[in-house]
Amino acid sequence: MTAVLTQLELKLLYLALNREAAPGEVSNGAQKFVESLRRRGVDAIQIERALSEAPLIVKPLKPDYGRTVMIWGRHKGRILADIPPRDLRNTVEWARSVPEVARKFATFIHDIEAFLNQT
């Protein structure tokens, strides 16, 4: 018997692990998830084997600001990693000089600066 999760089990697992779910939803989701596995005869060894055979997905610990897409100017649509640092610094300088732009795009400006500090 394979330990592949059904669609319902997958939804229940997501619910049980959702940090924004209410405590009652979490416990009910976890309980229903385990009940469904037991009903199908899935045991812990099958789950352990399935997890050990699954490829390990490495999630970056820090955001990769270089993947941020430029939203202005001649480099619009390109990722920050493909734009010369001088142009990025000029963009930040311009954006900070226009109060409305600085306020509206503060997060984007931060991302450019964070990328420049990464390199």
N, C-alpha and C. Protein backbone atom coordinates (compact mmCIF):
# COMPACT_ATOMS: atom_id res chain seq x y z
N MET A 1 0.85 -1.20 0.00
CA MET A 1 0.00 0.00 0.00
C MET A 1 0.89 1.24 0.00
N THR A 2 0.53 2.19 -0.80
CA THR A 2 1.33 3.41 -0.89
C THR A 2 0.80 4.48 0.07
N ALA A 3 1.66 5.32 0.52
CA ALA A 3 1.29 6.34 1.50
C ALA A 3 1.02 7.68 0.83
N VAL A 4 0.58 7.67 -0.41
CA VAL A 4 0.25 8.91 -1.11
C VAL A 4 -1.01 9.50 -0.49
N LEU A 5 -1.00 10.80 -0.28
CA LEU A 5 -2.15 11.45 0.34
C LEU A 5 -3.25 11.68 -0.67
N THR A 6 -4.49 11.52 -0.21
CA THR A 6 -5.64 11.85 -1.05
C THR A 6 -5.81 13.36 -1.05
N GLN A 7 -6.66 13.86 -1.93
CA GLN A 7 -6.91 15.31 -1.98
C GLN A 7 -7.44 15.80 -0.63
N LEU A 8 -8.37 15.05 -0.04
CA LEU A 8 -8.93 15.43 1.25
C LEU A 8 -7.85 15.47 2.33
N GLU A 9 -7.00 14.44 2.36
CA GLU A 9 -5.93 14.40 3.36
C GLU A 9 -4.97 15.57 3.19
N LEU A 10 -4.68 15.90 1.96
CA LEU A 10 -3.79 17.03 1.70
C LEU A 10 -4.41 18.34 2.22
N LYS A 11 -5.70 18.52 1.98
CA LYS A 11 -6.39 19.72 2.48
C LYS A 11 -6.39 19.75 4.01
N LEU A 12 -6.63 18.58 4.62
CA LEU A 12 -6.63 18.51 6.08
C LEU A 12 -5.24 18.80 6.65
N LEU A 13 -4.22 18.32 5.99
CA LEU A 13 -2.85 18.57 6.43
C LEU A 13 -2.54 20.07 6.36
N TYR A 14 -2.92 20.70 5.25
CA TYR A 14 -2.70 22.15 5.12
C TYR A 14 -3.45 22.90 6.22
N LEU A 15 -4.68 22.49 6.51
CA LEU A 15 -5.46 23.14 7.55
C LEU A 15 -4.78 22.97 8.91
N ALA A 16 -4.34 21.76 9.21
CA ALA A 16 -3.73 21.49 10.51
C ALA A 16 -2.43 22.27 10.71
N LEU A 17 -1.72 22.57 9.63
CA LEU A 17 -0.44 23.28 9.74
C LEU A 17 -0.54 24.77 9.44
N ASN A 18 -1.75 25.25 9.14
CA ASN A 18 -1.96 26.66 8.82
C ASN A 18 -1.84 27.51 10.08
N ARG A 19 -0.86 28.41 10.11
CA ARG A 19 -0.63 29.25 11.28
C ARG A 19 -1.77 30.24 11.52
N GLU A 20 -2.57 30.50 10.51
CA GLU A 20 -3.65 31.48 10.66
C GLU A 20 -4.99 30.82 11.01
N ALA A 21 -5.03 29.50 11.04
CA ALA A 21 -6.28 28.80 11.36
C ALA A 21 -6.55 28.90 12.86
N ALA A 22 -7.84 28.89 13.20
CA ALA A 22 -8.24 28.92 14.61
C ALA A 22 -7.83 27.61 15.28
N PRO A 23 -7.56 27.65 16.59
CA PRO A 23 -7.13 26.43 17.28
C PRO A 23 -8.07 25.24 17.08
N GLY A 24 -9.37 25.48 17.10
CA GLY A 24 -10.33 24.39 16.88
C GLY A 24 -10.21 23.79 15.49
N GLU A 25 -9.98 24.64 14.49
CA GLU A 25 -9.79 24.15 13.13
C GLU A 25 -8.53 23.30 13.02
N VAL A 26 -7.48 23.74 13.69
CA VAL A 26 -6.21 23.01 13.66
C VAL A 26 -6.39 21.62 14.24
N SER A 27 -6.98 21.54 15.44
CA SER A 27 -7.13 20.23 16.08
C SER A 27 -8.09 19.33 15.32
N ASN A 28 -9.19 19.89 14.80
CA ASN A 28 -10.12 19.09 14.01
C ASN A 28 -9.47 18.60 12.72
N GLY A 29 -8.72 19.48 12.05
CA GLY A 29 -8.04 19.09 10.82
C GLY A 29 -7.03 17.98 11.07
N ALA A 30 -6.26 18.11 12.15
CA ALA A 30 -5.26 17.08 12.48
C ALA A 30 -5.93 15.75 12.80
N GLN A 31 -7.01 15.81 13.57
CA GLN A 31 -7.73 14.59 13.94
C GLN A 31 -8.31 13.90 12.71
N LYS A 32 -8.96 14.64 11.85
CA LYS A 32 -9.57 14.06 10.64
C LYS A 32 -8.49 13.52 9.70
N PHE A 33 -7.35 14.20 9.64
CA PHE A 33 -6.23 13.75 8.81
C PHE A 33 -5.77 12.36 9.25
N VAL A 34 -5.52 12.22 10.56
CA VAL A 34 -5.05 10.93 11.09
C VAL A 34 -6.12 9.86 10.93
N GLU A 35 -7.38 10.20 11.17
CA GLU A 35 -8.47 9.23 11.00
C GLU A 35 -8.54 8.73 9.56
N SER A 36 -8.37 9.61 8.61
CA SER A 36 -8.41 9.22 7.20
C SER A 36 -7.26 8.27 6.87
N LEU A 37 -6.07 8.58 7.36
CA LEU A 37 -4.92 7.68 7.13
C LEU A 37 -5.17 6.31 7.74
N ARG A 38 -5.68 6.28 8.95
CA ARG A 38 -5.96 4.99 9.62
C ARG A 38 -7.02 4.20 8.87
N ARG A 39 -8.06 4.88 8.40
CA ARG A 39 -9.13 4.20 7.65
C ARG A 39 -8.56 3.50 6.42
N ARG A 40 -7.57 4.12 5.80
CA ARG A 40 -6.96 3.54 4.59
C ARG A 40 -5.87 2.53 4.92
N GLY A 41 -5.56 2.37 6.21
CA GLY A 41 -4.54 1.40 6.60
C GLY A 41 -3.12 1.89 6.45
N VAL A 42 -2.94 3.20 6.36
CA VAL A 42 -1.59 3.77 6.24
C VAL A 42 -0.97 3.80 7.63
N ASP A 43 0.27 3.32 7.74
CA ASP A 43 0.94 3.35 9.04
C ASP A 43 2.14 4.30 9.02
N ALA A 44 2.73 4.49 10.18
CA ALA A 44 3.83 5.45 10.33
C ALA A 44 5.04 5.08 9.47
N ILE A 45 5.31 3.79 9.32
CA ILE A 45 6.46 3.36 8.53
C ILE A 45 6.29 3.77 7.07
N GLN A 46 5.08 3.65 6.54
CA GLN A 46 4.83 4.06 5.16
C GLN A 46 5.05 5.57 4.99
N ILE A 47 4.58 6.33 5.95
CA ILE A 47 4.75 7.78 5.90
C ILE A 47 6.25 8.12 5.96
N GLU A 48 6.97 7.48 6.88
CA GLU A 48 8.40 7.73 7.02
C GLU A 48 9.15 7.39 5.73
N ARG A 49 8.81 6.26 5.12
CA ARG A 49 9.47 5.87 3.87
C ARG A 49 9.18 6.87 2.76
N ALA A 50 7.91 7.26 2.65
CA ALA A 50 7.52 8.21 1.60
C ALA A 50 8.27 9.53 1.77
N LEU A 51 8.40 9.98 3.01
CA LEU A 51 9.11 11.24 3.26
C LEU A 51 10.60 11.12 3.00
N SER A 52 11.18 9.98 3.32
CA SER A 52 12.62 9.82 3.11
C SER A 52 12.96 9.66 1.63
N GLU A 53 12.01 9.18 0.83
CA GLU A 53 12.24 9.02 -0.60
C GLU A 53 11.96 10.30 -1.38
N ALA A 54 11.20 11.20 -0.76
CA ALA A 54 10.83 12.45 -1.44
C ALA A 54 12.06 13.34 -1.55
N PRO A 55 12.18 14.06 -2.67
CA PRO A 55 13.32 14.97 -2.80
C PRO A 55 13.22 16.09 -1.76
N LEU A 56 14.35 16.44 -1.21
CA LEU A 56 14.41 17.50 -0.23
C LEU A 56 14.35 18.85 -0.95
N ILE A 57 13.39 19.67 -0.56
CA ILE A 57 13.26 20.99 -1.16
C ILE A 57 13.89 21.99 -0.19
N VAL A 58 14.93 22.63 -0.63
CA VAL A 58 15.63 23.59 0.21
C VAL A 58 15.04 24.97 -0.03
N LYS A 59 14.52 25.54 1.04
CA LYS A 59 13.93 26.86 0.96
C LYS A 59 14.98 27.88 1.42
N PRO A 60 15.19 28.94 0.64
CA PRO A 60 16.20 29.92 1.05
C PRO A 60 15.84 30.55 2.40
N LEU A 61 16.84 30.77 3.23
CA LEU A 61 16.60 31.35 4.54
C LEU A 61 16.32 32.85 4.44
N LYS A 62 16.92 33.49 3.46
CA LYS A 62 16.71 34.93 3.26
C LYS A 62 16.06 35.15 1.90
N PRO A 63 15.27 36.20 1.78
CA PRO A 63 14.70 36.49 0.46
C PRO A 63 15.80 36.82 -0.54
N ASP A 64 15.59 36.44 -1.78
CA ASP A 64 16.54 36.75 -2.84
C ASP A 64 16.06 38.02 -3.54
N TYR A 65 16.51 39.15 -3.04
CA TYR A 65 16.06 40.43 -3.58
C TYR A 65 16.46 40.63 -5.04
N GLY A 66 17.44 39.90 -5.49
CA GLY A 66 17.86 39.99 -6.88
C GLY A 66 16.81 39.51 -7.86
N ARG A 67 15.82 38.76 -7.37
CA ARG A 67 14.73 38.26 -8.22
C ARG A 67 13.58 39.27 -8.32
N THR A 68 13.68 40.37 -7.59
CA THR A 68 12.66 41.42 -7.64
C THR A 68 12.66 42.06 -9.02
N VAL A 69 11.48 42.32 -9.55
CA VAL A 69 11.35 42.89 -10.89
C VAL A 69 11.27 44.41 -10.80
N MET A 70 12.08 45.08 -11.62
CA MET A 70 12.10 46.55 -11.68
C MET A 70 10.77 47.05 -12.23
N ILE A 71 10.24 48.07 -11.60
CA ILE A 71 8.92 48.57 -12.02
C ILE A 71 8.98 49.92 -12.73
N TRP A 72 10.16 50.53 -12.84
CA TRP A 72 10.30 51.84 -13.47
C TRP A 72 11.40 51.86 -14.51
N GLY A 73 11.36 52.92 -15.32
CA GLY A 73 12.48 53.30 -16.18
C GLY A 73 12.85 52.33 -17.29
N ARG A 74 14.05 52.53 -17.80
CA ARG A 74 14.47 51.76 -18.97
C ARG A 74 14.71 50.29 -18.65
N HIS A 75 14.86 49.94 -17.36
CA HIS A 75 15.07 48.54 -16.97
C HIS A 75 13.77 47.88 -16.50
N LYS A 76 12.66 48.55 -16.72
CA LYS A 76 11.36 48.03 -16.29
C LYS A 76 11.17 46.61 -16.83
N GLY A 77 10.75 45.70 -15.93
CA GLY A 77 10.49 44.32 -16.34
C GLY A 77 11.68 43.39 -16.15
N ARG A 78 12.87 43.95 -15.91
CA ARG A 78 14.06 43.12 -15.68
C ARG A 78 14.23 42.88 -14.18
N ILE A 79 14.88 41.77 -13.82
CA ILE A 79 15.14 41.53 -12.41
C ILE A 79 16.34 42.36 -11.96
N LEU A 80 16.36 42.71 -10.68
CA LEU A 80 17.42 43.57 -10.16
C LEU A 80 18.81 43.00 -10.40
N ALA A 81 18.94 41.68 -10.36
CA ALA A 81 20.25 41.05 -10.55
C ALA A 81 20.82 41.32 -11.94
N ASP A 82 19.97 41.67 -12.89
CA ASP A 82 20.42 41.92 -14.27
C ASP A 82 20.64 43.40 -14.57
N ILE A 83 20.52 44.24 -13.55
CA ILE A 83 20.64 45.69 -13.75
C ILE A 83 21.94 46.17 -13.11
N PRO A 84 22.70 47.03 -13.80
CA PRO A 84 23.95 47.53 -13.21
C PRO A 84 23.69 48.23 -11.87
N PRO A 85 24.53 47.98 -10.87
CA PRO A 85 24.35 48.59 -9.55
C PRO A 85 24.25 50.11 -9.59
N ARG A 86 25.02 50.74 -10.48
CA ARG A 86 24.98 52.21 -10.61
C ARG A 86 23.56 52.66 -10.93
N ASP A 87 22.90 51.95 -11.86
CA ASP A 87 21.53 52.31 -12.24
C ASP A 87 20.57 52.10 -11.07
N LEU A 88 20.80 51.06 -10.29
CA LEU A 88 19.94 50.81 -9.13
C LEU A 88 20.11 51.91 -8.09
N ARG A 89 21.36 52.31 -7.84
CA ARG A 89 21.60 53.40 -6.89
C ARG A 89 20.96 54.70 -7.36
N ASN A 90 21.06 54.98 -8.66
CA ASN A 90 20.42 56.18 -9.21
C ASN A 90 18.90 56.12 -9.05
N THR A 91 18.34 54.95 -9.24
CA THR A 91 16.89 54.77 -9.08
C THR A 91 16.47 55.04 -7.64
N VAL A 92 17.22 54.51 -6.69
CA VAL A 92 16.91 54.74 -5.27
C VAL A 92 17.03 56.22 -4.94
N GLU A 93 18.08 56.85 -5.42
CA GLU A 93 18.28 58.29 -5.17
C GLU A 93 17.11 59.10 -5.73
N TRP A 94 16.69 58.79 -6.96
CA TRP A 94 15.56 59.49 -7.55
C TRP A 94 14.29 59.25 -6.75
N ALA A 95 14.02 57.98 -6.42
CA ALA A 95 12.78 57.64 -5.70
C ALA A 95 12.72 58.33 -4.34
N ARG A 96 13.83 58.41 -3.66
CA ARG A 96 13.86 59.06 -2.34
C ARG A 96 13.71 60.58 -2.46
N SER A 97 14.04 61.15 -3.61
CA SER A 97 13.95 62.60 -3.78
C SER A 97 12.52 63.08 -4.07
N VAL A 98 11.63 62.15 -4.39
CA VAL A 98 10.23 62.49 -4.65
C VAL A 98 9.40 61.90 -3.51
N PRO A 99 8.98 62.75 -2.54
CA PRO A 99 8.32 62.25 -1.33
C PRO A 99 7.15 61.29 -1.59
N GLU A 100 6.32 61.62 -2.58
CA GLU A 100 5.17 60.75 -2.86
C GLU A 100 5.62 59.37 -3.33
N VAL A 101 6.63 59.33 -4.19
CA VAL A 101 7.17 58.06 -4.68
C VAL A 101 7.82 57.30 -3.53
N ALA A 102 8.60 58.01 -2.71
CA ALA A 102 9.28 57.38 -1.58
C ALA A 102 8.28 56.74 -0.63
N ARG A 103 7.17 57.43 -0.40
CA ARG A 103 6.15 56.91 0.51
C ARG A 103 5.41 55.73 -0.12
N LYS A 104 4.98 55.89 -1.35
CA LYS A 104 4.17 54.86 -2.02
C LYS A 104 4.95 53.59 -2.30
N PHE A 105 6.24 53.72 -2.60
CA PHE A 105 7.05 52.56 -3.00
C PHE A 105 8.16 52.25 -2.00
N ALA A 106 7.91 52.53 -0.73
CA ALA A 106 8.92 52.32 0.31
C ALA A 106 9.42 50.88 0.35
N THR A 107 8.52 49.94 0.21
CA THR A 107 8.91 48.52 0.25
C THR A 107 9.79 48.17 -0.94
N PHE A 108 9.42 48.65 -2.11
CA PHE A 108 10.21 48.38 -3.31
C PHE A 108 11.60 49.00 -3.19
N ILE A 109 11.66 50.23 -2.70
CA ILE A 109 12.95 50.90 -2.51
C ILE A 109 13.81 50.11 -1.52
N HIS A 110 13.17 49.65 -0.46
CA HIS A 110 13.88 48.81 0.52
C HIS A 110 14.46 47.57 -0.15
N ASP A 111 13.68 46.94 -1.02
CA ASP A 111 14.14 45.72 -1.70
C ASP A 111 15.36 46.00 -2.58
N ILE A 112 15.36 47.14 -3.26
CA ILE A 112 16.53 47.50 -4.09
C ILE A 112 17.75 47.68 -3.19
N GLU A 113 17.57 48.41 -2.10
CA GLU A 113 18.70 48.64 -1.18
C GLU A 113 19.18 47.33 -0.56
N ALA A 114 18.25 46.46 -0.21
CA ALA A 114 18.63 45.16 0.36
C ALA A 114 19.43 44.35 -0.65
N PHE A 115 19.02 44.41 -1.92
CA PHE A 115 19.78 43.70 -2.96
C PHE A 115 21.18 44.28 -3.09
N LEU A 116 21.28 45.60 -3.11
CA LEU A 116 22.60 46.23 -3.23
C LEU A 116 23.50 45.87 -2.05
N ASN A 117 22.91 45.68 -0.88
CA ASN A 117 23.69 45.30 0.30
C ASN A 117 24.06 43.82 0.30
N GLN A 118 23.33 43.00 -0.47
CA GLN A 118 23.64 41.57 -0.57
C GLN A 118 24.87 41.33 -1.42
N THR A 119 25.05 42.18 -2.42
CA THR A 119 26.11 41.93 -3.40
C THR A 119 27.45 42.46 -2.96
